[in-house]
């Protein structure tokens, strides 16, 4: 939709076109403002891997990024997802849960283990989750396993 509107207005000085460009910038800023990783500082807890998508740009691209969320105070993976959705919807971003599991986080040893699955969302791609976690925890050893619940 934005692509066709931009094409129709291309070459014209229009407040509408400027508004579309502003919307595009806001969507990118909203997406950039979402931290890639937000997990508890220590312990064993459930986590989910989420794809966050911004609004379609004028060239038809939907900017997106993967994020990891994990909290010990959430009984279910769905509780983590609902918490994250509320935050992202405030910025007009769409979310999709790609799966879940558990994280064992030991900051003293700079160690994490990413493993298991979510009954509701299925198993996350733990190697992708590890890649995202390493953006924040660069000096950690992060192990992945499909074993365990």
C-alpha atoms as a PDB file:
ATOM      1  CA  UNK A   1       0.000   0.000   0.000  1.00  0.00           C
ATOM      2  CA  UNK A   2       2.715   2.489   0.928  1.00  0.00           C
ATOM      3  CA  UNK A   3       4.657   1.533  -2.176  1.00  0.00           C
ATOM      4  CA  UNK A   4       1.755   2.318  -4.496  1.00  0.00           C
ATOM      5  CA  UNK A   5       0.979   5.577  -2.667  1.00  0.00           C
ATOM      6  CA  UNK A   6       4.599   6.661  -2.912  1.00  0.00           C
ATOM      7  CA  UNK A   7       4.714   5.745  -6.605  1.00  0.00           C
ATOM      8  CA  UNK A   8       1.589   7.818  -7.269  1.00  0.00           C
ATOM      9  CA  UNK A   9       3.098  10.820  -5.521  1.00  0.00           C
ATOM     10  CA  UNK A  10       6.659  10.435  -6.843  1.00  0.00           C
ATOM     11  CA  UNK A  11       8.039  13.663  -8.206  1.00  0.00           C
ATOM     12  CA  UNK A  12       5.349  15.832  -6.594  1.00  0.00           C
ATOM     13  CA  UNK A  13       5.968  18.041  -3.609  1.00  0.00           C
ATOM     14  CA  UNK A  14       3.271  16.816  -1.325  1.00  0.00           C
ATOM     15  CA  UNK A  15       2.599  16.879   2.385  1.00  0.00           C
ATOM     16  CA  UNK A  16       1.250  13.345   2.023  1.00  0.00           C
ATOM     17  CA  UNK A  17       4.542  12.082   0.566  1.00  0.00           C
ATOM     18  CA  UNK A  18       6.468  13.807   3.350  1.00  0.00           C
ATOM     19  CA  UNK A  19       4.116  12.108   5.814  1.00  0.00           C
ATOM     20  CA  UNK A  20       4.869   8.712   4.283  1.00  0.00           C
ATOM     21  CA  UNK A  21       8.606   9.353   4.614  1.00  0.00           C
ATOM     22  CA  UNK A  22       8.114  10.356   8.246  1.00  0.00           C
ATOM     23  CA  UNK A  23       6.091   7.176   8.873  1.00  0.00           C
ATOM     24  CA  UNK A  24       8.919   5.127   7.340  1.00  0.00           C
ATOM     25  CA  UNK A  25      11.494   6.800   9.591  1.00  0.00           C
ATOM     26  CA  UNK A  26       9.287   6.359  12.668  1.00  0.00           C
ATOM     27  CA  UNK A  27       8.857   2.645  11.940  1.00  0.00           C
ATOM     28  CA  UNK A  28      12.621   2.168  11.614  1.00  0.00           C
ATOM     29  CA  UNK A  29      13.215   4.163  14.805  1.00  0.00           C
ATOM     30  CA  UNK A  30      10.571   2.147  16.667  1.00  0.00           C
ATOM     31  CA  UNK A  31      12.229  -1.090  15.533  1.00  0.00           C
ATOM     32  CA  UNK A  32      15.721   0.132  16.429  1.00  0.00           C
ATOM     33  CA  UNK A  33      14.476   1.147  19.896  1.00  0.00           C
ATOM     34  CA  UNK A  34      13.491  -2.440  20.756  1.00  0.00           C
ATOM     35  CA  UNK A  35      16.402  -4.116  22.587  1.00  0.00           C
ATOM     36  CA  UNK A  36      17.521  -7.351  20.938  1.00  0.00           C
ATOM     37  CA  UNK A  37      17.873  -9.088  24.310  1.00  0.00           C
ATOM     38  CA  UNK A  38      15.938  -8.726  27.546  1.00  0.00           C
ATOM     39  CA  UNK A  39      16.393 -11.645  29.931  1.00  0.00           C
ATOM     40  CA  UNK A  40      16.702 -12.155  33.661  1.00  0.00           C
ATOM     41  CA  UNK A  41      20.198 -11.502  35.027  1.00  0.00           C
ATOM     42  CA  UNK A  42      20.553 -14.983  36.535  1.00  0.00           C
ATOM     43  CA  UNK A  43      18.787 -18.328  36.963  1.00  0.00           C
ATOM     44  CA  UNK A  44      16.852 -20.808  34.856  1.00  0.00           C
ATOM     45  CA  UNK A  45      13.774 -19.446  33.107  1.00  0.00           C
ATOM     46  CA  UNK A  46      11.564 -19.794  30.056  1.00  0.00           C
ATOM     47  CA  UNK A  47      12.405 -17.777  26.949  1.00  0.00           C
ATOM     48  CA  UNK A  48      10.986 -17.066  23.509  1.00  0.00           C
ATOM     49  CA  UNK A  49      12.431 -16.005  20.162  1.00  0.00           C
ATOM     50  CA  UNK A  50      10.334 -13.284  18.522  1.00  0.00           C
ATOM     51  CA  UNK A  51      10.374 -11.692  15.085  1.00  0.00           C
ATOM     52  CA  UNK A  52       9.500  -7.987  15.332  1.00  0.00           C
ATOM     53  CA  UNK A  53       8.418  -6.288  12.108  1.00  0.00           C
ATOM     54  CA  UNK A  54       8.023  -2.605  11.329  1.00  0.00           C
ATOM     55  CA  UNK A  55       5.600  -1.088   8.869  1.00  0.00           C
ATOM     56  CA  UNK A  56       6.172  -1.615   5.162  1.00  0.00           C
ATOM     57  CA  UNK A  57       8.488   0.997   3.684  1.00  0.00           C
ATOM     58  CA  UNK A  58       7.841   2.951   0.500  1.00  0.00           C
ATOM     59  CA  UNK A  59       9.980   0.463  -1.432  1.00  0.00           C
ATOM     60  CA  UNK A  60       7.863  -2.477  -0.229  1.00  0.00           C
ATOM     61  CA  UNK A  61      10.313  -3.791   2.372  1.00  0.00           C
ATOM     62  CA  UNK A  62       9.178  -4.742   5.870  1.00  0.00           C
ATOM     63  CA  UNK A  63      12.098  -4.098   8.236  1.00  0.00           C
ATOM     64  CA  UNK A  64      12.429  -6.766  10.921  1.00  0.00           C
ATOM     65  CA  UNK A  65      14.697  -8.130  13.618  1.00  0.00           C
ATOM     66  CA  UNK A  66      14.843 -11.109  15.955  1.00  0.00           C
ATOM     67  CA  UNK A  67      14.690 -10.570  19.698  1.00  0.00           C
ATOM     68  CA  UNK A  68      15.029 -12.865  22.725  1.00  0.00           C
ATOM     69  CA  UNK A  69      12.931 -12.445  25.860  1.00  0.00           C
ATOM     70  CA  UNK A  70      13.142 -14.551  29.022  1.00  0.00           C
ATOM     71  CA  UNK A  71      11.750 -13.934  32.498  1.00  0.00           C
ATOM     72  CA  UNK A  72      11.605 -16.095  35.599  1.00  0.00           C
ATOM     73  CA  UNK A  73       8.433 -14.413  36.844  1.00  0.00           C
ATOM     74  CA  UNK A  74       6.472 -15.661  33.816  1.00  0.00           C
ATOM     75  CA  UNK A  75       4.854 -19.043  34.391  1.00  0.00           C
ATOM     76  CA  UNK A  76       4.174 -19.672  30.699  1.00  0.00           C
ATOM     77  CA  UNK A  77       5.894 -18.793  27.443  1.00  0.00           C
ATOM     78  CA  UNK A  78       2.642 -17.025  26.486  1.00  0.00           C
ATOM     79  CA  UNK A  79       3.082 -14.667  29.462  1.00  0.00           C
ATOM     80  CA  UNK A  80       6.452 -13.572  28.061  1.00  0.00           C
ATOM     81  CA  UNK A  81       4.934 -13.080  24.614  1.00  0.00           C
ATOM     82  CA  UNK A  82       1.999 -11.033  25.937  1.00  0.00           C
ATOM     83  CA  UNK A  83       4.360  -8.760  27.878  1.00  0.00           C
ATOM     84  CA  UNK A  84       6.483  -8.190  24.777  1.00  0.00           C
ATOM     85  CA  UNK A  85       3.467  -7.638  22.512  1.00  0.00           C
ATOM     86  CA  UNK A  86       2.176  -4.829  24.728  1.00  0.00           C
ATOM     87  CA  UNK A  87       5.497  -3.009  24.468  1.00  0.00           C
ATOM     88  CA  UNK A  88       5.850  -3.503  20.710  1.00  0.00           C
ATOM     89  CA  UNK A  89       2.251  -2.602  19.870  1.00  0.00           C
ATOM     90  CA  UNK A  90       2.820   0.742  21.607  1.00  0.00           C
ATOM     91  CA  UNK A  91       5.410   1.432  18.915  1.00  0.00           C
ATOM     92  CA  UNK A  92       3.140   0.164  16.104  1.00  0.00           C
ATOM     93  CA  UNK A  93       5.278  -2.932  15.539  1.00  0.00           C
ATOM     94  CA  UNK A  94       4.064  -6.434  14.703  1.00  0.00           C
ATOM     95  CA  UNK A  95       5.366  -9.518  16.501  1.00  0.00           C
ATOM     96  CA  UNK A  96       5.500 -13.235  15.748  1.00  0.00           C
ATOM     97  CA  UNK A  97       6.628 -15.820  18.293  1.00  0.00           C
ATOM     98  CA  UNK A  98       8.972 -18.258  16.552  1.00  0.00           C
ATOM     99  CA  UNK A  99       9.201 -20.703  19.458  1.00  0.00           C
ATOM    100  CA  UNK A 100      10.642 -21.028  22.904  1.00  0.00           C
ATOM    101  CA  UNK A 101      12.595 -23.045  25.396  1.00  0.00           C
ATOM    102  CA  UNK A 102      14.635 -22.370  28.500  1.00  0.00           C
ATOM    103  CA  UNK A 103      17.771 -20.464  29.363  1.00  0.00           C
ATOM    104  CA  UNK A 104      20.159 -21.283  32.160  1.00  0.00           C
ATOM    105  CA  UNK A 105      22.016 -18.037  32.901  1.00  0.00           C
ATOM    106  CA  UNK A 106      25.107 -18.041  35.120  1.00  0.00           C
ATOM    107  CA  UNK A 107      26.736 -14.579  35.016  1.00  0.00           C
ATOM    108  CA  UNK A 108      29.565 -15.536  37.406  1.00  0.00           C
ATOM    109  CA  UNK A 109      30.792 -18.140  34.905  1.00  0.00           C
ATOM    110  CA  UNK A 110      29.714 -16.046  31.883  1.00  0.00           C
ATOM    111  CA  UNK A 111      27.771 -19.069  30.729  1.00  0.00           C
ATOM    112  CA  UNK A 112      24.342 -19.720  29.247  1.00  0.00           C
ATOM    113  CA  UNK A 113      22.627 -22.854  28.098  1.00  0.00           C
ATOM    114  CA  UNK A 114      19.725 -22.471  25.656  1.00  0.00           C
ATOM    115  CA  UNK A 115      17.631 -25.612  25.434  1.00  0.00           C
ATOM    116  CA  UNK A 116      14.238 -27.297  25.433  1.00  0.00           C
ATOM    117  CA  UNK A 117      10.962 -26.235  23.863  1.00  0.00           C
ATOM    118  CA  UNK A 118       7.669 -24.491  24.461  1.00  0.00           C
ATOM    119  CA  UNK A 119       4.547 -26.624  24.562  1.00  0.00           C
ATOM    120  CA  UNK A 120       2.493 -23.747  23.142  1.00  0.00           C
ATOM    121  CA  UNK A 121       4.899 -22.284  20.566  1.00  0.00           C
ATOM    122  CA  UNK A 122       7.194 -25.187  19.758  1.00  0.00           C
ATOM    123  CA  UNK A 123      10.978 -25.240  19.818  1.00  0.00           C
ATOM    124  CA  UNK A 124      12.798 -22.045  18.934  1.00  0.00           C
ATOM    125  CA  UNK A 125      15.816 -22.220  16.663  1.00  0.00           C
ATOM    126  CA  UNK A 126      18.306 -22.199  19.530  1.00  0.00           C
ATOM    127  CA  UNK A 127      21.214 -21.378  17.209  1.00  0.00           C
ATOM    128  CA  UNK A 128      19.378 -18.184  16.146  1.00  0.00           C
ATOM    129  CA  UNK A 129      18.617 -17.419  19.788  1.00  0.00           C
ATOM    130  CA  UNK A 130      22.315 -17.880  20.582  1.00  0.00           C
ATOM    131  CA  UNK A 131      23.260 -15.492  17.775  1.00  0.00           C
ATOM    132  CA  UNK A 132      20.918 -12.835  19.204  1.00  0.00           C
ATOM    133  CA  UNK A 133      22.122 -13.414  22.785  1.00  0.00           C
ATOM    134  CA  UNK A 134      25.739 -12.979  21.674  1.00  0.00           C
ATOM    135  CA  UNK A 135      24.953  -9.418  20.548  1.00  0.00           C
ATOM    136  CA  UNK A 136      24.608  -8.520  24.242  1.00  0.00           C
ATOM    137  CA  UNK A 137      26.689 -11.222  25.930  1.00  0.00           C
ATOM    138  CA  UNK A 138      29.709 -11.191  23.619  1.00  0.00           C
ATOM    139  CA  UNK A 139      32.136 -12.694  26.140  1.00  0.00           C
ATOM    140  CA  UNK A 140      29.851 -15.564  27.219  1.00  0.00           C
ATOM    141  CA  UNK A 141      30.060 -19.230  26.409  1.00  0.00           C
ATOM    142  CA  UNK A 142      26.591 -20.122  25.119  1.00  0.00           C
ATOM    143  CA  UNK A 143      25.687 -23.767  24.676  1.00  0.00           C
ATOM    144  CA  UNK A 144      22.589 -24.950  22.796  1.00  0.00           C
ATOM    145  CA  UNK A 145      20.692 -28.213  23.024  1.00  0.00           C
ATOM    146  CA  UNK A 146      17.371 -29.524  21.771  1.00  0.00           C
ATOM    147  CA  UNK A 147      17.183 -31.847  24.787  1.00  0.00           C
ATOM    148  CA  UNK A 148      15.170 -31.173  27.913  1.00  0.00           C
ATOM    149  CA  UNK A 149      11.988 -29.342  28.624  1.00  0.00           C
END
